[in-house]
Every structure is written in structure tokens, then in C-alpha cells.
Amino acid sequence: MEQHYQPLKAGVQEPFFLKEYPEYPVYLYIPESYSADKSVPLFFFMHGGDKNTPPEAPFKMYLNPESGYLHPLIKDAPFVTVAPYAPYARDGKRWNYPGSVEYIDAVLAAVKERVYVDEERIIFGGHSMGGFGAYHNGTLMADRFSCILLSAGAWLETDFKAFLGTPVYILHGRYDCAANYKEFHVEPRHHDWCSVDFARAAHELMVRDKVTHVYDEHDGGHGLRWEPAQMAFFRFINYAMQFKRDPYAKRCAVVSPAGSADPTLTPHTASRWLRINETAPGKVTLDKILLHGPNIAWTVQEFCQQSYSLDRAEYEGAKLIAENKGGNCFEVTAENVKLFTLLLSSDMADVEQSVSVTVNGRIFKVQPEALTGHKDYSHQVRVALEDLI
């Protein structure tokens, strides 16, 4: 059934509340260019703060025309912005707790009832506490979005190959932890809150794993109000508007568990055209960041002593990393996987012919089967690996 949308006045809308989440206001910003009869990209923005940040924060801190740090950046942007209030939690990682994906899904569904959203151009990201959430939920939901923003956030343990197929923009202030940026806090930024070292480490790992991304380390501090941060954010907007969601990305991965590990790692069994159907017991490795030097930099010397190194962590889990090599050939690395599925379309392969799937060096020839009810894929192949485990 065709959906008809009501015209919306430009600017910040009155907040609305979801039936399932009556305590959490959702704020919408509508640009002047919006028309109810034409689909528009959407920017899903997760706000910063801590466990005590009040419900009006998405408006007051970010969208308010008089004082919102995000307002000058999005007022003329070619997309609608949605900024929901973070679920309550015991600490300042409110976007990372179990249930965050379900909450994000509910907000997206509610926005699509009000706004004619171009579902192929949904940009996802957040700043500070919201940057924590972007690192965490981005690895779980990357295949849903056209681009992901990681702004002034942090992570602990993850595998950034889960981002494969979705371009990432890392935005972080070089002086995030410096004492000269302490006016809004009783002390300088902590190294373990959202130091630039989290961004530098993420960039290092994404280069290693060939994850498409831009690394933008600007000459500001933590907040978006700083001129260098505003300039960097405009660069992000120009970058993000190039892309659409790509269900047929040449490379993709499923990492289970995934997420930034604090407070939890989340099971994850599907991404784009990959599905893990059955696993075997065993451990997988995730990348882990270790911080060095004083946690609070009261002096320039202490600030310069802060650094990071990379380590590995092991968890019970499974991984699939796959590449479409062309010519009906796929190459897969599988860890602790007994059965998996590749979803296919005519954009990816000749679905009338057999597909060659090389898994950990062994070649499987499989005839695609018809698949119904999926908007992106028309066929599938299943590969059983029980004798390889």
C-alpha cells in the first residue's frame, strides 16, 4: 500500500515518543529543502553525554537553532536528521547496552512513518557517548547504512572487518584529552573516555584490514562547537552524501560476537549476503586497544605521555569473511562455522549457473536455489563444513 506523507515545517519538530519507549523523546530536524513527495536521506545521530544527561539534551545540545552544536552543520544539509534520547543505563555507555539495536530499529521505523526516507541513504553515527554507540552498533548494523560516522568515541575490543562494505568516517579532535579544553568539566578529558588514541588505533586496524574509511583528525578538542570540528563535520557530510547502501559489496564479513565489548559483546549471525547457520565450539580473536600513560593529563608533558598499543582478545564465537572474486567465484575464510549461506542476485553472479566457493582453501561447487521474499537477493547457496571442523 502506498504511503502518503504529511508536509512538515522546516526546523526542529516537537519531540515524539515511541509506544515501546515512552520515556525517550525523539527529535527530528527537517531541512528547508524537504518535500513530502520526494524521498530524502536520513542522518541517525546518537547524542553524547553521560548517565545523567537529561531527555532534552538532543535538542538543547545539538539541534537548538540558538545553541545546538549540530544545528549550523545540518540546517542546510540535504537530509533529515533524527536525534533520539539514549536509553537509561548505569554509566556513560548508554548506546552500547543490550537492546540498543532494537531501540534504533524502533526509532527508524517511527521516522519512516513520518518522513519519506530514502532507505538506501541512511547515514548512521554519533558523537562522544554516541560515538561509543557508533563503534558498537556500527559493527552490528553496518549492512543497513550507506555511511557510518565515528565521532570522538571509543571502543575496547572488536573486529573492524564487520564494517566491510560500508564506508566509515572517523572524526576526532587531536586535543580531546588536553587540559586547555576543560572548561565544561571539573577536570581534563580522561584518556579512557574518548582519547584520540581510540581513533588512531581504529584507523591503523582499518588500514590493515582494507576497510574503506576516511580518517579526519582535526585540530580541536572534544566538542563539536570548536571551529576545527565544525569544518571536519562539513567534510564528513560531503563524503557521506556520495554513497548508497550496497547490498552487493565485493567484501563483507560476519563477526560473532561483535561490538565494542563494553559492557557486552553481542552475537551476530548475518551481514549482507552472508549468513552463519550453524557453528562449532571454538574461539575467535578480536583486536583490543591498550592505553598507556597518565589517565588524566593535567600538563602538556602528561598529555604527550599518553599512547596506545594493540593486543588480541579471545572469545567463544565464529567468523565468516568473504569476497566475490567475479566469474561466479567466491572466496571465504571460515572460523568455527559448520554451515553457512551465501545470498545471491544477478548483480553478483550468474544465478543460473553453478557457483564456486573456496572455503579455507577447499573448493565447493554449488547450484544456486531460488529464494523468495527478499528485496535484495533472488537465490542462495548453502555450504556445509562439518568435515572441515
Protein backbone atom coordinates (compact mmCIF):
# COMPACT_ATOMS: atom_id res chain seq x y z
CA MET A 1 0.00 0.00 0.00
CA GLU A 2 1.35 3.40 -1.00
CA GLN A 3 2.33 5.65 1.91
CA HIS A 4 1.27 9.32 1.84
CA TYR A 5 3.27 11.73 3.94
CA GLN A 6 2.12 14.96 5.56
CA PRO A 7 4.09 18.13 4.79
CA LEU A 8 6.43 19.11 7.61
CA LYS A 9 7.56 22.59 8.50
CA ALA A 10 11.31 23.14 8.31
CA GLY A 11 13.22 23.17 11.58
CA VAL A 12 13.11 21.17 14.80
CA GLN A 13 9.83 19.27 15.24
CA GLU A 14 8.03 18.67 18.50
CA PRO A 15 9.53 15.53 20.04
CA PHE A 16 7.55 12.32 19.72
CA PHE A 17 7.58 9.19 21.87
CA LEU A 18 7.51 5.55 20.86
CA LYS A 19 4.89 3.34 22.47
CA GLU A 20 7.54 0.80 23.44
CA TYR A 21 9.85 3.51 24.86
CA PRO A 22 7.61 6.16 26.44
CA GLU A 23 10.42 7.78 28.45
CA TYR A 24 12.66 8.59 25.49
CA PRO A 25 11.84 11.63 23.31
CA VAL A 26 12.80 11.50 19.63
CA TYR A 27 13.72 14.76 17.90
CA LEU A 28 13.52 15.44 14.17
CA TYR A 29 15.17 18.22 12.21
CA ILE A 30 13.61 18.95 8.81
CA PRO A 31 15.68 20.97 6.29
CA GLU A 32 14.17 23.71 4.12
CA SER A 33 14.60 21.53 1.05
CA TYR A 34 12.36 18.71 2.33
CA SER A 35 9.33 17.76 0.23
CA ALA A 36 6.79 15.16 1.36
CA ASP A 37 6.53 13.71 -2.16
CA LYS A 38 10.25 13.04 -2.63
CA SER A 39 12.40 10.62 -0.68
CA VAL A 40 15.21 12.15 1.37
CA PRO A 41 18.36 10.77 3.00
CA LEU A 42 18.30 10.36 6.79
CA PHE A 43 21.04 11.04 9.33
CA PHE A 44 20.60 8.99 12.52
CA PHE A 45 22.55 10.85 15.20
CA MET A 46 23.33 9.49 18.68
CA HIS A 47 23.97 12.25 21.20
CA GLY A 48 26.77 12.48 23.74
CA GLY A 49 26.73 12.98 27.49
CA ASP A 50 26.70 10.55 30.39
CA LYS A 51 24.31 8.61 32.61
CA ASN A 52 22.82 11.87 33.93
CA THR A 53 22.26 13.59 30.59
CA PRO A 54 18.62 14.80 30.57
CA PRO A 55 15.94 13.92 27.99
CA GLU A 56 16.03 17.36 26.34
CA ALA A 57 19.76 17.00 25.55
CA PRO A 58 19.39 16.05 21.86
CA PHE A 59 17.59 19.36 21.33
CA LYS A 60 19.50 21.66 23.68
CA MET A 61 22.99 20.31 22.98
CA TYR A 62 22.68 19.67 19.25
CA LEU A 63 19.54 20.77 17.35
CA ASN A 64 18.60 24.06 19.06
CA PRO A 65 18.94 26.89 16.46
CA GLU A 66 20.34 29.22 19.13
CA SER A 67 22.88 26.99 20.84
CA GLY A 68 22.90 23.50 19.33
CA TYR A 69 26.36 22.43 18.17
CA LEU A 70 24.93 20.35 15.33
CA HIS A 71 22.46 22.97 14.07
CA PRO A 72 24.84 25.05 11.91
CA LEU A 73 26.09 21.83 10.35
CA ILE A 74 22.73 20.38 9.35
CA LYS A 75 20.47 23.40 8.79
CA ASP A 76 21.23 23.41 5.05
CA ALA A 77 22.12 19.71 4.72
CA PRO A 78 20.27 17.63 2.10
CA PHE A 79 18.97 15.16 4.67
CA VAL A 80 16.58 14.86 7.61
CA THR A 81 18.25 14.37 11.00
CA VAL A 82 16.80 12.22 13.77
CA ALA A 83 18.30 12.51 17.25
CA PRO A 84 16.68 10.15 19.79
CA TYR A 85 17.37 10.23 23.51
CA ALA A 86 19.67 7.44 24.68
CA PRO A 87 18.22 4.63 26.81
CA TYR A 88 18.92 4.93 30.52
CA ALA A 89 21.91 2.96 31.82
CA ARG A 90 24.21 2.83 34.80
CA ASP A 91 27.07 4.69 33.10
CA GLY A 92 28.04 6.79 30.09
CA LYS A 93 27.92 3.96 27.57
CA ARG A 94 24.17 4.14 27.19
CA TRP A 95 24.12 3.36 23.46
CA ASN A 96 26.12 0.14 23.97
CA TYR A 97 23.85 -1.88 26.23
CA PRO A 98 21.76 -4.90 25.12
CA GLY A 99 18.60 -3.68 23.45
CA SER A 100 20.25 -0.76 21.66
CA VAL A 101 19.78 -2.32 18.22
CA GLU A 102 16.09 -2.91 18.91
CA TYR A 103 15.70 0.70 20.06
CA ILE A 104 17.46 2.02 16.95
CA ASP A 105 15.20 -0.16 14.77
CA ALA A 106 12.09 1.18 16.53
CA VAL A 107 13.19 4.79 16.04
CA LEU A 108 13.93 4.18 12.36
CA ALA A 109 10.51 2.59 11.84
CA ALA A 110 8.78 5.53 13.54
CA VAL A 111 10.67 8.07 11.42
CA LYS A 112 9.73 6.23 8.24
CA GLU A 113 6.07 6.60 9.20
CA ARG A 114 6.50 10.39 9.34
CA VAL A 115 9.13 11.14 6.70
CA TYR A 116 9.61 9.86 3.15
CA VAL A 117 13.03 8.33 3.84
CA ASP A 118 15.35 7.10 1.10
CA GLU A 119 16.11 3.73 2.70
CA GLU A 120 19.24 3.32 0.59
CA ARG A 121 20.76 6.50 2.03
CA ILE A 122 20.59 6.26 5.81
CA ILE A 123 23.71 7.66 7.48
CA PHE A 124 24.42 6.39 10.98
CA GLY A 125 26.66 7.87 13.63
CA GLY A 126 27.18 9.64 16.89
CA HIS A 127 29.44 11.88 18.93
CA SER A 128 31.17 11.24 22.27
CA MET A 129 28.85 8.80 24.12
CA GLY A 130 27.09 8.50 20.77
CA GLY A 131 30.47 7.78 19.18
CA PHE A 132 30.83 4.85 21.60
CA GLY A 133 27.46 3.67 20.25
CA ALA A 134 28.52 4.11 16.64
CA TYR A 135 31.60 1.94 17.18
CA HIS A 136 29.44 -0.66 18.92
CA ASN A 137 26.24 -0.73 16.87
CA GLY A 138 28.03 0.06 13.63
CA THR A 139 29.66 -3.36 13.62
CA LEU A 140 26.25 -4.96 14.21
CA MET A 141 24.25 -2.95 11.66
CA ALA A 142 26.76 -1.81 9.02
CA ASP A 143 24.88 -3.51 6.19
CA ARG A 144 21.84 -1.34 6.94
CA PHE A 145 23.51 2.01 6.29
CA SER A 146 25.13 4.00 3.49
CA CYS A 147 27.86 5.51 5.69
CA ILE A 148 28.89 5.45 9.37
CA LEU A 149 30.29 8.34 11.43
CA LEU A 150 32.56 7.62 14.41
CA SER A 151 32.97 10.98 16.14
CA ALA A 152 35.00 11.42 19.35
CA GLY A 153 34.07 7.93 20.52
CA ALA A 154 35.81 4.92 21.99
CA TRP A 155 35.99 1.15 21.72
CA LEU A 156 37.74 -1.66 23.60
CA GLU A 157 37.57 -4.96 21.68
CA THR A 158 36.22 -5.51 18.20
CA ASP A 159 36.93 -6.66 14.64
CA PHE A 160 36.52 -3.76 12.23
CA LYS A 161 36.13 -6.16 9.30
CA ALA A 162 32.47 -6.16 10.35
CA PHE A 163 32.32 -2.70 8.67
CA LEU A 164 33.33 -4.14 5.27
CA GLY A 165 31.03 -2.86 2.54
CA THR A 166 30.04 0.36 4.33
CA PRO A 167 32.29 3.43 4.19
CA VAL A 168 33.33 4.79 7.59
CA TYR A 169 34.30 8.33 8.60
CA ILE A 170 36.45 8.66 11.74
CA LEU A 171 36.32 12.21 13.14
CA HIS A 172 38.28 13.05 16.28
CA GLY A 173 39.96 16.06 17.89
CA ARG A 174 43.70 15.84 18.32
CA TYR A 175 43.44 17.56 21.70
CA ASP A 176 40.43 15.67 23.01
CA CYS A 177 42.14 15.00 26.35
CA ALA A 178 44.11 18.23 26.70
CA ALA A 179 43.83 20.34 29.85
CA ASN A 180 43.08 23.52 27.88
CA TYR A 181 39.72 22.05 26.90
CA LYS A 182 38.43 21.51 30.44
CA GLU A 183 36.05 24.45 30.85
CA PHE A 184 32.89 22.31 30.72
CA HIS A 185 34.33 19.71 33.09
CA VAL A 186 35.87 19.76 36.54
CA GLU A 187 38.96 18.09 35.11
CA PRO A 188 40.52 17.44 31.69
CA ARG A 189 39.21 14.68 29.47
CA HIS A 190 40.23 11.23 30.63
CA HIS A 191 42.42 9.12 28.37
CA ASP A 192 39.97 6.23 28.76
CA TRP A 193 36.87 8.32 27.96
CA CYS A 194 37.39 9.32 24.35
CA SER A 195 41.06 9.98 23.68
CA VAL A 196 42.20 10.46 20.10
CA ASP A 197 44.14 7.21 20.59
CA PHE A 198 40.89 5.27 20.07
CA ALA A 199 40.54 6.86 16.63
CA ARG A 200 44.20 6.38 15.76
CA ALA A 201 44.04 2.70 16.67
CA ALA A 202 40.81 2.21 14.69
CA HIS A 203 42.44 3.86 11.67
CA GLU A 204 45.51 1.62 11.98
CA LEU A 205 43.35 -1.51 12.04
CA MET A 206 41.08 -0.40 9.20
CA VAL A 207 44.14 0.25 7.02
CA ARG A 208 45.42 -3.22 7.86
CA ASP A 209 42.09 -4.87 7.03
CA LYS A 210 41.33 -2.72 3.96
CA VAL A 211 38.15 -1.26 5.40
CA THR A 212 37.02 1.74 3.34
CA HIS A 213 37.28 4.80 5.55
CA VAL A 214 38.42 8.39 5.97
CA TYR A 215 40.49 9.40 8.98
CA ASP A 216 39.94 13.07 9.91
CA GLU A 217 41.96 14.11 12.97
CA HIS A 218 41.15 17.80 13.37
CA ASP A 219 42.95 20.43 15.47
CA GLY A 220 40.19 20.86 18.04
CA GLY A 221 39.15 19.40 21.34
CA HIS A 222 36.24 17.18 22.26
CA GLY A 223 33.17 19.27 21.48
CA LEU A 224 31.57 19.91 18.11
CA ARG A 225 31.45 23.65 18.79
CA TRP A 226 35.17 24.07 18.02
CA GLU A 227 35.80 25.52 14.56
CA PRO A 228 38.13 22.65 13.50
CA ALA A 229 35.41 20.15 14.48
CA GLN A 230 32.77 22.08 12.53
CA MET A 231 34.98 22.10 9.43
CA ALA A 232 35.65 18.38 9.81
CA PHE A 233 31.92 17.71 10.14
CA PHE A 234 31.24 19.52 6.88
CA ARG A 235 33.87 17.32 5.26
CA PHE A 236 32.05 14.29 6.64
CA ILE A 237 28.72 15.44 5.16
CA ASN A 238 30.28 15.91 1.72
CA TYR A 239 31.82 12.46 1.97
CA ALA A 240 28.70 10.69 3.21
CA MET A 241 26.44 12.09 0.52
CA GLN A 242 28.38 10.19 -2.16
CA PHE A 243 27.12 6.79 -1.07
CA LYS A 244 24.13 4.50 -1.11
CA ARG A 245 23.72 1.28 0.85
CA ASP A 246 25.47 -1.51 -1.03
CA PRO A 247 23.89 -4.96 -0.54
CA TYR A 248 26.26 -6.39 -3.17
CA ALA A 249 29.57 -5.23 -1.71
CA LYS A 250 32.50 -7.27 -3.01
CA ARG A 251 33.79 -7.95 0.50
CA CYS A 252 31.80 -8.49 3.68
CA ALA A 253 32.09 -10.26 6.99
CA VAL A 254 30.12 -11.67 9.90
CA VAL A 255 31.88 -11.49 13.24
CA SER A 256 30.16 -13.17 16.17
CA PRO A 257 30.32 -11.86 18.81
CA ALA A 258 30.72 -8.26 17.61
CA GLY A 259 30.57 -4.85 19.25
CA SER A 260 32.94 -2.72 21.26
CA ALA A 261 32.91 -5.08 24.25
CA ASP A 262 31.94 -2.65 26.98
CA PRO A 263 29.72 -3.62 28.61
CA THR A 264 28.94 -6.59 26.37
CA LEU A 265 29.75 -8.39 23.16
CA THR A 266 26.75 -9.18 21.00
CA PRO A 267 26.10 -12.39 18.98
CA HIS A 268 25.81 -11.63 15.28
CA THR A 269 24.98 -14.14 12.56
CA ALA A 270 24.26 -12.21 9.34
CA SER A 271 25.54 -9.33 7.23
CA ARG A 272 24.64 -8.51 3.65
CA TRP A 273 24.91 -11.73 1.63
CA LEU A 274 26.46 -13.83 4.42
CA ARG A 275 24.58 -15.98 6.95
CA ILE A 276 26.10 -18.23 9.62
CA ASN A 277 23.61 -21.07 10.05
CA GLU A 278 25.45 -23.38 12.42
CA THR A 279 28.62 -23.01 14.45
CA ALA A 280 31.13 -25.30 16.13
CA PRO A 281 32.73 -24.69 19.53
CA GLY A 282 35.87 -22.64 19.35
CA LYS A 283 37.43 -19.25 19.97
CA VAL A 284 37.86 -16.26 17.68
CA THR A 285 40.22 -13.34 18.18
CA LEU A 286 39.26 -9.69 18.36
CA ASP A 287 41.51 -6.66 18.30
CA LYS A 288 41.96 -4.95 21.66
CA ILE A 289 43.27 -1.48 22.50
CA LEU A 290 45.58 -0.88 25.46
CA LEU A 291 46.11 2.67 26.76
CA HIS A 292 49.40 3.85 28.26
CA GLY A 293 50.48 6.91 30.22
CA PRO A 294 48.56 9.00 32.76
CA ASN A 295 44.82 8.66 32.52
CA ILE A 296 44.26 12.37 33.26
CA ALA A 297 46.56 14.83 31.51
CA TRP A 298 46.95 17.88 33.76
CA THR A 299 50.04 19.10 31.91
CA VAL A 300 51.36 19.15 28.35
CA GLN A 301 54.02 16.65 29.40
CA GLU A 302 51.40 14.24 30.75
CA PHE A 303 49.31 14.70 27.61
CA CYS A 304 52.31 13.79 25.44
CA GLN A 305 52.90 10.66 27.51
CA GLN A 306 49.51 9.20 26.58
CA SER A 307 49.71 6.50 23.92
CA TYR A 308 48.23 3.15 22.88
CA SER A 309 49.21 -0.30 21.71
CA LEU A 310 47.22 -3.14 20.18
CA ASP A 311 46.64 -6.59 21.58
CA ARG A 312 44.25 -9.50 20.94
CA ALA A 313 41.40 -10.99 22.95
CA GLU A 314 39.77 -14.40 22.54
CA TYR A 315 36.08 -15.26 22.82
CA GLU A 316 33.87 -18.20 22.03
CA GLY A 317 32.48 -17.39 18.61
CA ALA A 318 32.65 -17.67 14.84
CA LYS A 319 33.63 -15.61 11.80
CA LEU A 320 32.94 -15.55 8.08
CA ILE A 321 34.95 -13.25 5.82
CA ALA A 322 34.03 -13.43 2.15
CA GLU A 323 34.91 -11.86 -1.18
CA ASN A 324 33.11 -12.02 -4.51
CA LYS A 325 36.00 -12.62 -6.90
CA GLY A 326 33.81 -12.39 -10.01
CA GLY A 327 33.09 -15.07 -12.61
CA ASN A 328 30.79 -16.96 -10.17
CA CYS A 329 33.72 -17.46 -7.79
CA PHE A 330 33.63 -16.63 -4.08
CA GLU A 331 36.42 -16.95 -1.55
CA VAL A 332 35.56 -17.47 2.12
CA THR A 333 37.54 -17.72 5.33
CA ALA A 334 35.53 -19.53 7.99
CA GLU A 335 36.29 -19.92 11.69
CA ASN A 336 34.19 -22.32 13.81
CA VAL A 337 31.45 -22.47 11.17
CA LYS A 338 29.70 -25.73 10.29
CA LEU A 339 27.07 -24.40 7.87
CA PHE A 340 26.71 -21.07 6.10
CA THR A 341 24.67 -19.46 3.31
CA LEU A 342 25.59 -17.05 0.54
CA LEU A 343 22.71 -14.95 -0.76
CA LEU A 344 22.98 -14.03 -4.43
CA SER A 345 21.50 -11.78 -7.06
CA SER A 346 22.12 -11.25 -10.75
CA ASP A 347 24.23 -8.22 -9.74
CA MET A 348 26.65 -10.61 -8.07
CA ALA A 349 26.73 -13.74 -10.23
CA ASP A 350 25.03 -15.73 -12.98
CA VAL A 351 22.47 -17.36 -10.71
CA GLU A 352 21.53 -19.89 -13.41
CA GLN A 353 25.00 -21.43 -13.27
CA SER A 354 26.87 -23.23 -10.50
CA VAL A 355 28.91 -21.17 -8.07
CA SER A 356 32.45 -21.98 -6.98
CA VAL A 357 33.00 -21.29 -3.27
CA THR A 358 36.55 -21.68 -1.95
CA VAL A 359 36.48 -22.11 1.83
CA ASN A 360 39.79 -22.19 3.72
CA GLY A 361 41.43 -23.48 0.51
CA ARG A 362 38.82 -26.15 -0.32
CA ILE A 363 36.59 -25.67 -3.38
CA PHE A 364 32.82 -26.34 -3.31
CA LYS A 365 30.68 -26.31 -6.45
CA VAL A 366 27.09 -25.43 -5.59
CA GLN A 367 23.99 -24.81 -7.70
CA PRO A 368 22.03 -21.73 -6.56
CA GLU A 369 18.49 -22.26 -5.26
CA ALA A 370 15.66 -19.79 -5.75
CA LEU A 371 14.98 -17.51 -2.78
CA THR A 372 11.70 -15.68 -2.24
CA GLY A 373 10.69 -12.73 -0.10
CA HIS A 374 14.00 -10.84 -0.08
CA LYS A 375 14.24 -7.46 -1.79
CA ASP A 376 17.98 -7.64 -2.48
CA TYR A 377 18.65 -11.30 -3.29
CA SER A 378 16.94 -13.85 -5.53
CA HIS A 379 18.99 -17.01 -4.89
CA GLN A 380 21.10 -18.72 -2.25
CA VAL A 381 23.76 -21.41 -1.89
CA ARG A 382 24.46 -23.38 1.28
CA VAL A 383 27.85 -24.80 2.17
CA ALA A 384 28.31 -27.46 4.86
CA LEU A 385 31.73 -27.64 6.50
CA GLU A 386 31.25 -30.27 9.18
CA ASP A 387 34.08 -32.43 7.88
CA LEU A 388 36.44 -29.43 7.94
CA ILE A 389 35.87 -28.60 11.62
